[in-house]
Amino acid sequence: MEPYNHASVLSARGLNTLLFSDPYAKLCFTSSLVSSLRTVYIDLDTAFSAYLAAGIVNAKSVDVYLPSEGRFMAMFQEVVAHMPRYSLVILDSINSFYAVYYSHYRRHEKRAGGSINHLLSVLLMLLVRQGVTHGIPVLATSMLRFRKEGGWKQSPASRRLLQKKSACRMEVERAGNEIVLKVLEHDAIQAGASYTVTPLC
C-alpha cells in the first residue's frame, strides 16, 4: 500500500471518475480531498451535506451546492463562472443526476435515457474544459450496482460515458477496517496502485 497523497492522485488533464459500492468509503475519500483543497461540491445525493452539517466532515474551504431539477442549470452556470476560485470541483453523484432529471425527461421526451446522457456529457465536458484551462481537477462519483448473478457493476449508460471521457478512473472500497483507493486508469500513475484513505471516525 503506497503513502496516500490526494494531490498526486487527481489529474487536471481530464475527468476524474470515482467508482464506489459503499457510500461511506466514497464519503471518506471526498472528505479527505475537501479537508485540504478549496472545493466546490455539487452534492446531488446530499450525503456529504448531512455529514458536513453534523460536524463529522472537516472542511473549512468548501462551497456546497444542492441542486434540484428546477434550479440545476442556474447553479451549474454559477459553478463554471467561479471555477478559477477553486482547487477542485466534485460532482457527487452521476447516479443522483439521473434521478434528478429522469422524471423531467419522461414528461418531455420519448427517450429519457439518451437525452439525460447527452445533457450529462455536455455538462461534464464544460466542467472539464474549464478545469483543464485553469489546472483544476474535476471529480465525478458513480455508484456501482449489485447484480443478482453476483458482484458489482456500473450502470451501462454511465459506464460508457465515463470510460470514454475519463483521464483517471479510481475505485474506493472498505477492506476490513481500512478504506482503500485503487487506481484503475490514470494518465500519470500506474494502474493497480492503491492507497489507504483516512476514515471519518
C-alpha atoms as a PDB file:
ATOM      1  CA  MET A   1       0.000   0.000   0.000  1.00  0.00           C
ATOM      2  CA  GLU A   2       1.506   3.322  -1.080  1.00  0.00           C
ATOM      3  CA  PRO A   3       1.533   6.525   1.011  1.00  0.00           C
ATOM      4  CA  TYR A   4      -1.647   8.494   0.332  1.00  0.00           C
ATOM      5  CA  ASN A   5      -1.288  11.882  -1.322  1.00  0.00           C
ATOM      6  CA  HIS A   6      -4.572  13.276  -2.597  1.00  0.00           C
ATOM      7  CA  ALA A   7      -2.838  15.935  -4.707  1.00  0.00           C
ATOM      8  CA  SER A   8      -0.981  13.334  -6.772  1.00  0.00           C
ATOM      9  CA  VAL A   9      -3.994  11.081  -7.348  1.00  0.00           C
ATOM     10  CA  LEU A  10      -6.215  13.528  -9.247  1.00  0.00           C
ATOM     11  CA  SER A  11      -5.492  14.593 -12.815  1.00  0.00           C
ATOM     12  CA  ALA A  12      -6.042  18.123 -14.114  1.00  0.00           C
ATOM     13  CA  ARG A  13      -5.793  16.886 -17.726  1.00  0.00           C
ATOM     14  CA  GLY A  14      -9.287  15.415 -17.926  1.00  0.00           C
ATOM     15  CA  LEU A  15     -12.191  13.968 -15.969  1.00  0.00           C
ATOM     16  CA  ASN A  16     -11.502  12.025 -12.769  1.00  0.00           C
ATOM     17  CA  THR A  17     -14.055   9.302 -12.039  1.00  0.00           C
ATOM     18  CA  LEU A  18     -14.513   7.630  -8.652  1.00  0.00           C
ATOM     19  CA  LEU A  19     -16.439   4.345  -8.593  1.00  0.00           C
ATOM     20  CA  PHE A  20     -17.844   3.070  -5.306  1.00  0.00           C
ATOM     21  CA  SER A  21     -20.229   0.472  -3.907  1.00  0.00           C
ATOM     22  CA  ASP A  22     -20.009   1.698  -0.301  1.00  0.00           C
ATOM     23  CA  PRO A  23     -21.234   5.305   0.177  1.00  0.00           C
ATOM     24  CA  TYR A  24     -19.233   5.641   3.391  1.00  0.00           C
ATOM     25  CA  ALA A  25     -15.972   4.750   1.607  1.00  0.00           C
ATOM     26  CA  LYS A  26     -16.766   7.339  -1.073  1.00  0.00           C
ATOM     27  CA  LEU A  27     -17.512   9.942   1.586  1.00  0.00           C
ATOM     28  CA  CYS A  28     -14.182   9.263   3.311  1.00  0.00           C
ATOM     29  CA  PHE A  29     -12.308   9.872   0.063  1.00  0.00           C
ATOM     30  CA  THR A  30     -14.156  13.035  -0.956  1.00  0.00           C
ATOM     31  CA  SER A  31     -13.860  14.353   2.609  1.00  0.00           C
ATOM     32  CA  SER A  32     -10.104  13.786   2.572  1.00  0.00           C
ATOM     33  CA  LEU A  33      -9.929  15.951  -0.549  1.00  0.00           C
ATOM     34  CA  VAL A  34     -12.029  18.859   0.711  1.00  0.00           C
ATOM     35  CA  SER A  35     -10.173  18.960   4.027  1.00  0.00           C
ATOM     36  CA  SER A  36      -7.167  20.482   2.274  1.00  0.00           C
ATOM     37  CA  LEU A  37      -8.354  21.814  -1.099  1.00  0.00           C
ATOM     38  CA  ARG A  38     -10.658  24.769  -1.784  1.00  0.00           C
ATOM     39  CA  THR A  39     -13.582  22.893  -3.285  1.00  0.00           C
ATOM     40  CA  VAL A  40     -16.913  23.451  -4.973  1.00  0.00           C
ATOM     41  CA  TYR A  41     -19.065  20.406  -4.152  1.00  0.00           C
ATOM     42  CA  ILE A  42     -22.174  19.689  -6.243  1.00  0.00           C
ATOM     43  CA  ASP A  43     -23.960  17.405  -3.799  1.00  0.00           C
ATOM     44  CA  LEU A  44     -26.681  15.611  -5.721  1.00  0.00           C
ATOM     45  CA  ASP A  45     -27.099  12.763  -3.230  1.00  0.00           C
ATOM     46  CA  THR A  46     -26.955  15.129  -0.152  1.00  0.00           C
ATOM     47  CA  ALA A  47     -24.867  12.698   1.966  1.00  0.00           C
ATOM     48  CA  PHE A  48     -21.842  14.997   2.117  1.00  0.00           C
ATOM     49  CA  SER A  49     -24.019  17.941   3.189  1.00  0.00           C
ATOM     50  CA  ALA A  50     -25.535  15.894   6.019  1.00  0.00           C
ATOM     51  CA  TYR A  51     -22.128  14.865   7.369  1.00  0.00           C
ATOM     52  CA  LEU A  52     -20.840  18.439   6.979  1.00  0.00           C
ATOM     53  CA  ALA A  53     -23.825  19.878   8.886  1.00  0.00           C
ATOM     54  CA  ALA A  54     -23.299  17.294  11.645  1.00  0.00           C
ATOM     55  CA  GLY A  55     -19.648  18.354  12.024  1.00  0.00           C
ATOM     56  CA  ILE A  56     -18.330  14.909  11.046  1.00  0.00           C
ATOM     57  CA  VAL A  57     -16.609  16.239   7.920  1.00  0.00           C
ATOM     58  CA  ASN A  58     -13.819  18.748   8.479  1.00  0.00           C
ATOM     59  CA  ALA A  59     -13.993  21.194   5.561  1.00  0.00           C
ATOM     60  CA  LYS A  60     -13.309  24.883   6.035  1.00  0.00           C
ATOM     61  CA  SER A  61     -12.974  25.887   2.371  1.00  0.00           C
ATOM     62  CA  VAL A  62     -15.867  24.175   0.613  1.00  0.00           C
ATOM     63  CA  ASP A  63     -18.879  25.677  -1.146  1.00  0.00           C
ATOM     64  CA  VAL A  64     -21.717  23.157  -1.380  1.00  0.00           C
ATOM     65  CA  TYR A  65     -24.493  23.256  -3.972  1.00  0.00           C
ATOM     66  CA  LEU A  66     -27.667  21.219  -3.503  1.00  0.00           C
ATOM     67  CA  PRO A  67     -29.261  21.277  -6.963  1.00  0.00           C
ATOM     68  CA  SER A  68     -32.756  20.227  -7.908  1.00  0.00           C
ATOM     69  CA  GLU A  69     -34.500  19.848 -11.273  1.00  0.00           C
ATOM     70  CA  GLY A  70     -35.744  23.425 -11.422  1.00  0.00           C
ATOM     71  CA  ARG A  71     -32.518  25.152 -10.442  1.00  0.00           C
ATOM     72  CA  PHE A  72     -29.702  22.914 -11.605  1.00  0.00           C
ATOM     73  CA  MET A  73     -28.752  24.863 -14.736  1.00  0.00           C
ATOM     74  CA  ALA A  74     -28.551  28.238 -12.994  1.00  0.00           C
ATOM     75  CA  MET A  75     -26.404  26.640 -10.293  1.00  0.00           C
ATOM     76  CA  PHE A  76     -24.202  24.953 -12.893  1.00  0.00           C
ATOM     77  CA  GLN A  77     -23.588  28.238 -14.721  1.00  0.00           C
ATOM     78  CA  GLU A  78     -22.534  29.819 -11.441  1.00  0.00           C
ATOM     79  CA  VAL A  79     -20.116  26.968 -10.715  1.00  0.00           C
ATOM     80  CA  VAL A  80     -18.482  27.247 -14.155  1.00  0.00           C
ATOM     81  CA  ALA A  81     -18.193  31.029 -13.880  1.00  0.00           C
ATOM     82  CA  HIS A  82     -16.482  30.845 -10.475  1.00  0.00           C
ATOM     83  CA  MET A  83     -14.280  27.765 -11.066  1.00  0.00           C
ATOM     84  CA  PRO A  84     -10.992  29.739 -11.158  1.00  0.00           C
ATOM     85  CA  ARG A  85     -11.506  30.466  -7.440  1.00  0.00           C
ATOM     86  CA  TYR A  86     -11.250  26.779  -6.555  1.00  0.00           C
ATOM     87  CA  SER A  87      -8.689  23.973  -6.477  1.00  0.00           C
ATOM     88  CA  LEU A  88     -11.188  21.134  -7.028  1.00  0.00           C
ATOM     89  CA  VAL A  89     -14.708  20.500  -8.364  1.00  0.00           C
ATOM     90  CA  ILE A  90     -16.691  17.451  -7.214  1.00  0.00           C
ATOM     91  CA  LEU A  91     -19.918  16.228  -8.851  1.00  0.00           C
ATOM     92  CA  ASP A  92     -21.454  13.714  -6.454  1.00  0.00           C
ATOM     93  CA  SER A  93     -23.006  11.628  -7.922  1.00  0.00           C
ATOM     94  CA  ILE A  94     -23.746  10.621 -11.519  1.00  0.00           C
ATOM     95  CA  ASN A  95     -26.472   8.231 -10.316  1.00  0.00           C
ATOM     96  CA  SER A  96     -28.274  11.037  -8.485  1.00  0.00           C
ATOM     97  CA  PHE A  97     -28.045  13.253 -11.567  1.00  0.00           C
ATOM     98  CA  TYR A  98     -30.062  10.631 -13.449  1.00  0.00           C
ATOM     99  CA  ALA A  99     -32.597  10.572 -10.608  1.00  0.00           C
ATOM    100  CA  VAL A 100     -32.988  14.376 -10.688  1.00  0.00           C
ATOM    101  CA  TYR A 101     -33.574  14.542 -14.437  1.00  0.00           C
ATOM    102  CA  TYR A 102     -35.320  11.254 -15.260  1.00  0.00           C
ATOM    103  CA  SER A 103     -38.840  12.414 -14.363  1.00  0.00           C
ATOM    104  CA  HIS A 104     -38.321  15.668 -16.296  1.00  0.00           C
ATOM    105  CA  TYR A 105     -37.298  13.867 -19.473  1.00  0.00           C
ATOM    106  CA  ARG A 106     -40.046  11.272 -19.078  1.00  0.00           C
ATOM    107  CA  ARG A 107     -42.537  14.140 -19.227  1.00  0.00           C
ATOM    108  CA  HIS A 108     -40.949  15.875 -22.214  1.00  0.00           C
ATOM    109  CA  GLU A 109     -39.018  13.295 -24.236  1.00  0.00           C
ATOM    110  CA  LYS A 110     -39.732   9.870 -25.702  1.00  0.00           C
ATOM    111  CA  ARG A 111     -36.234   8.596 -24.906  1.00  0.00           C
ATOM    112  CA  ALA A 112     -35.333   9.833 -21.449  1.00  0.00           C
ATOM    113  CA  GLY A 113     -32.093   7.866 -21.117  1.00  0.00           C
ATOM    114  CA  GLY A 114     -30.431   9.179 -24.270  1.00  0.00           C
ATOM    115  CA  SER A 115     -31.384  12.767 -23.508  1.00  0.00           C
ATOM    116  CA  ILE A 116     -30.016  12.565 -19.969  1.00  0.00           C
ATOM    117  CA  ASN A 117     -26.765  11.012 -21.212  1.00  0.00           C
ATOM    118  CA  HIS A 118     -26.341  13.810 -23.737  1.00  0.00           C
ATOM    119  CA  LEU A 119     -27.002  16.520 -21.150  1.00  0.00           C
ATOM    120  CA  LEU A 120     -24.653  14.895 -18.635  1.00  0.00           C
ATOM    121  CA  SER A 121     -21.920  14.543 -21.262  1.00  0.00           C
ATOM    122  CA  VAL A 122     -22.184  18.219 -22.217  1.00  0.00           C
ATOM    123  CA  LEU A 123     -22.135  19.395 -18.596  1.00  0.00           C
ATOM    124  CA  LEU A 124     -19.159  17.220 -17.678  1.00  0.00           C
ATOM    125  CA  MET A 125     -17.174  18.389 -20.684  1.00  0.00           C
ATOM    126  CA  LEU A 126     -17.890  22.045 -19.849  1.00  0.00           C
ATOM    127  CA  LEU A 127     -16.577  21.461 -16.334  1.00  0.00           C
ATOM    128  CA  VAL A 128     -13.539  19.558 -17.595  1.00  0.00           C
ATOM    129  CA  ARG A 129     -12.700  22.132 -20.273  1.00  0.00           C
ATOM    130  CA  GLN A 130     -12.773  24.896 -17.672  1.00  0.00           C
ATOM    131  CA  GLY A 131     -10.793  22.695 -15.284  1.00  0.00           C
ATOM    132  CA  VAL A 132      -8.072  21.914 -17.835  1.00  0.00           C
ATOM    133  CA  THR A 133      -7.793  25.608 -18.729  1.00  0.00           C
ATOM    134  CA  HIS A 134      -7.213  26.587 -15.105  1.00  0.00           C
ATOM    135  CA  GLY A 135      -5.451  23.433 -13.867  1.00  0.00           C
ATOM    136  CA  ILE A 136      -8.379  22.398 -11.643  1.00  0.00           C
ATOM    137  CA  PRO A 137      -9.238  18.685 -11.261  1.00  0.00           C
ATOM    138  CA  VAL A 138     -12.881  17.703 -11.794  1.00  0.00           C
ATOM    139  CA  LEU A 139     -14.082  14.580  -9.959  1.00  0.00           C
ATOM    140  CA  ALA A 140     -17.358  12.778 -10.691  1.00  0.00           C
ATOM    141  CA  THR A 141     -18.523   9.898  -8.489  1.00  0.00           C
ATOM    142  CA  SER A 142     -20.551   6.926  -9.714  1.00  0.00           C
ATOM    143  CA  MET A 143     -22.060   4.164  -7.604  1.00  0.00           C
ATOM    144  CA  LEU A 144     -21.716   0.541  -8.634  1.00  0.00           C
ATOM    145  CA  ARG A 145     -24.893  -1.556  -8.549  1.00  0.00           C
ATOM    146  CA  PHE A 146     -25.167  -5.101  -7.191  1.00  0.00           C
ATOM    147  CA  ARG A 147     -26.133  -7.678  -9.783  1.00  0.00           C
ATOM    148  CA  LYS A 148     -28.314 -10.651  -8.984  1.00  0.00           C
ATOM    149  CA  GLU A 149     -25.798 -13.071 -10.506  1.00  0.00           C
ATOM    150  CA  GLY A 150     -23.179 -11.780  -8.075  1.00  0.00           C
ATOM    151  CA  GLY A 151     -20.685  -8.963  -7.881  1.00  0.00           C
ATOM    152  CA  TRP A 152     -20.930  -5.251  -8.591  1.00  0.00           C
ATOM    153  CA  LYS A 153     -21.360  -3.434 -11.876  1.00  0.00           C
ATOM    154  CA  GLN A 154     -21.764   0.090 -13.162  1.00  0.00           C
ATOM    155  CA  SER A 155     -24.969   1.102 -14.922  1.00  0.00           C
ATOM    156  CA  PRO A 156     -24.478   0.705 -18.708  1.00  0.00           C
ATOM    157  CA  ALA A 157     -25.204   4.344 -19.567  1.00  0.00           C
ATOM    158  CA  SER A 158     -22.791   5.886 -17.091  1.00  0.00           C
ATOM    159  CA  ARG A 159     -20.184   3.172 -17.745  1.00  0.00           C
ATOM    160  CA  ARG A 160     -19.930   4.003 -21.453  1.00  0.00           C
ATOM    161  CA  LEU A 161     -19.911   7.728 -20.816  1.00  0.00           C
ATOM    162  CA  LEU A 162     -17.321   7.738 -18.038  1.00  0.00           C
ATOM    163  CA  GLN A 163     -14.981   5.189 -19.611  1.00  0.00           C
ATOM    164  CA  LYS A 164     -14.883   7.264 -22.774  1.00  0.00           C
ATOM    165  CA  LYS A 165     -14.452  10.641 -21.066  1.00  0.00           C
ATOM    166  CA  SER A 166     -12.201   9.846 -18.081  1.00  0.00           C
ATOM    167  CA  ALA A 167      -8.479  10.587 -17.874  1.00  0.00           C
ATOM    168  CA  CYS A 168      -8.411   8.945 -14.458  1.00  0.00           C
ATOM    169  CA  ARG A 169     -10.640   6.181 -13.088  1.00  0.00           C
ATOM    170  CA  MET A 170     -10.461   5.034  -9.474  1.00  0.00           C
ATOM    171  CA  GLU A 171     -12.411   2.810  -7.134  1.00  0.00           C
ATOM    172  CA  VAL A 172     -12.766   3.172  -3.372  1.00  0.00           C
ATOM    173  CA  GLU A 173     -13.944   0.437  -1.015  1.00  0.00           C
ATOM    174  CA  ARG A 174     -13.708  -0.886   2.517  1.00  0.00           C
ATOM    175  CA  ALA A 175     -11.159  -3.628   3.096  1.00  0.00           C
ATOM    176  CA  GLY A 176     -11.572  -4.842   6.654  1.00  0.00           C
ATOM    177  CA  ASN A 177     -11.000  -1.820   8.870  1.00  0.00           C
ATOM    178  CA  GLU A 178      -9.374   0.211   6.097  1.00  0.00           C
ATOM    179  CA  ILE A 179     -10.669   2.439   3.297  1.00  0.00           C
ATOM    180  CA  VAL A 180      -8.693   1.665   0.134  1.00  0.00           C
ATOM    181  CA  LEU A 181      -8.461   3.714  -3.047  1.00  0.00           C
ATOM    182  CA  LYS A 182      -7.390   1.771  -6.142  1.00  0.00           C
ATOM    183  CA  VAL A 183      -6.265   3.389  -9.393  1.00  0.00           C
ATOM    184  CA  LEU A 184      -7.892   1.667 -12.382  1.00  0.00           C
ATOM    185  CA  GLU A 185      -6.625   4.008 -15.088  1.00  0.00           C
ATOM    186  CA  HIS A 186      -4.531   7.181 -14.897  1.00  0.00           C
ATOM    187  CA  ASP A 187      -2.519   9.415 -17.179  1.00  0.00           C
ATOM    188  CA  ALA A 188       0.408   9.569 -14.726  1.00  0.00           C
ATOM    189  CA  ILE A 189       0.008   6.717 -12.180  1.00  0.00           C
ATOM    190  CA  GLN A 190       0.351   3.008 -12.868  1.00  0.00           C
ATOM    191  CA  ALA A 191      -2.930   1.105 -12.882  1.00  0.00           C
ATOM    192  CA  GLY A 192      -3.300  -1.039  -9.776  1.00  0.00           C
ATOM    193  CA  ALA A 193      -1.654   1.431  -7.407  1.00  0.00           C
ATOM    194  CA  SER A 194      -3.585   1.583  -4.139  1.00  0.00           C
ATOM    195  CA  TYR A 195      -3.733   3.997  -1.214  1.00  0.00           C
ATOM    196  CA  THR A 196      -5.260   3.946   2.242  1.00  0.00           C
ATOM    197  CA  VAL A 197      -7.753   6.723   2.988  1.00  0.00           C
ATOM    198  CA  THR A 198      -8.390   8.069   6.477  1.00  0.00           C
ATOM    199  CA  PRO A 199     -11.854   7.080   7.811  1.00  0.00           C
ATOM    200  CA  LEU A 200     -14.163   9.840   9.044  1.00  0.00           C
ATOM    201  CA  CYS A 201     -14.372   8.418  12.569  1.00  0.00           C
END
